Amino acid sequence: MIKIRYANVEDLTTVERLAREIWPVTYKDLVPPDHLSYMLNLIYNNASLRDQMLNQQQTFLMVEQDGEPVAFAAFSQIEPG
C-alpha cells in the first residue's frame, strides 16, 4: 500500500538519502556528474534541508510503500505578483 504524508524534521535524513539514490539515476543524462554532486551537496545536505523546512517554508512529503520510504516531494507556496 502506498501512503503519502507530510515529512517532519526526523525525516530529513531519509530525504537526503533518497535524493542521493534517486537523482543520479533520474538526471544522469541531463546533468553532468560534477554538477549533480554539487547540487546534492548544496541543497540536499541535512543542514540545508532543515533550513528549508524550518525557515524557508518548504513543505516535504514522504511517500511510503508498505511502510518503507521510497520517494519524496518538496514544494513551497509562491506569493502572487
Protein backbone atom coordinates (compact mmCIF):
# COMPACT_ATOMS: atom_id res chain seq x y z
CA MET A 1 0.00 0.00 0.00
CA ILE A 2 1.27 3.48 -0.85
CA LYS A 3 0.95 6.25 1.72
CA ILE A 4 1.79 9.93 1.26
CA ARG A 5 2.31 12.01 4.38
CA TYR A 6 3.87 15.26 5.49
CA ALA A 7 7.51 14.87 6.44
CA ASN A 8 8.89 16.09 9.73
CA VAL A 9 12.40 17.09 10.81
CA GLU A 10 13.19 13.48 11.70
CA ASP A 11 12.53 12.50 8.05
CA LEU A 12 15.18 14.81 6.62
CA THR A 13 17.94 12.20 6.85
CA THR A 14 15.74 9.94 4.74
CA VAL A 15 15.04 12.76 2.27
CA GLU A 16 18.79 13.27 1.89
CA ARG A 17 19.39 9.54 1.38
CA LEU A 18 16.58 9.24 -1.17
CA ALA A 19 17.80 12.29 -3.10
CA ARG A 20 21.28 10.77 -3.31
CA GLU A 21 19.80 7.48 -4.56
CA ILE A 22 17.19 8.91 -6.95
CA TRP A 23 18.85 11.98 -8.51
CA PRO A 24 21.84 10.24 -10.14
CA VAL A 25 19.56 7.72 -11.86
CA THR A 26 16.93 10.28 -12.85
CA TYR A 27 19.22 13.06 -14.05
CA LYS A 28 22.25 11.11 -15.36
CA ASP A 29 21.52 12.08 -18.98
CA LEU A 30 20.61 15.69 -18.19
CA VAL A 31 23.07 16.93 -15.59
CA PRO A 32 26.85 16.39 -15.63
CA PRO A 33 28.02 14.26 -12.67
CA ASP A 34 30.11 17.02 -11.09
CA HIS A 35 27.19 19.47 -11.20
CA LEU A 36 24.82 16.84 -9.85
CA SER A 37 27.16 16.21 -6.95
CA TYR A 38 27.44 19.95 -6.32
CA MET A 39 23.64 20.35 -6.27
CA LEU A 40 23.12 17.39 -3.95
CA ASN A 41 25.80 18.64 -1.56
CA LEU A 42 24.37 22.17 -1.59
CA ILE A 43 20.63 21.55 -1.50
CA TYR A 44 20.18 18.09 -0.01
CA ASN A 45 22.55 18.08 2.94
CA ASN A 46 20.78 17.78 6.28
CA ALA A 47 21.51 21.34 7.42
CA SER A 48 20.16 22.80 4.18
CA LEU A 49 17.05 20.61 4.28
CA ARG A 50 16.43 21.61 7.89
CA ASP A 51 16.76 25.30 6.95
CA GLN A 52 14.39 24.83 4.01
CA MET A 53 11.78 23.19 6.23
CA LEU A 54 12.06 25.41 9.30
CA ASN A 55 12.96 28.81 7.84
CA GLN A 56 12.03 28.86 4.17
CA GLN A 57 8.51 27.40 4.39
CA GLN A 58 9.41 24.43 2.19
CA THR A 59 6.96 21.55 2.63
CA PHE A 60 8.20 17.99 2.21
CA LEU A 61 6.07 14.94 1.57
CA MET A 62 7.19 11.38 2.19
CA VAL A 63 5.97 8.53 0.03
CA GLU A 64 5.97 5.15 1.72
CA GLN A 65 5.26 1.77 0.23
CA ASP A 66 4.41 -0.91 2.76
CA GLY A 67 5.84 1.31 5.48
CA GLU A 68 9.18 1.93 3.74
CA PRO A 69 10.14 5.37 2.37
CA VAL A 70 10.52 5.18 -1.41
CA ALA A 71 10.22 8.79 -2.58
CA PHE A 72 9.67 12.37 -1.51
CA ALA A 73 8.38 15.63 -2.91
CA ALA A 74 9.01 19.21 -1.89
CA PHE A 75 7.13 22.40 -2.62
CA SER A 76 6.56 25.90 -1.36
CA GLN A 77 3.90 28.50 -1.95
CA ILE A 78 4.79 31.42 -4.18
CA GLU A 79 3.35 34.78 -3.34
CA PRO A 80 1.26 36.32 -6.12
CA GLY A 81 2.90 39.05 -8.15
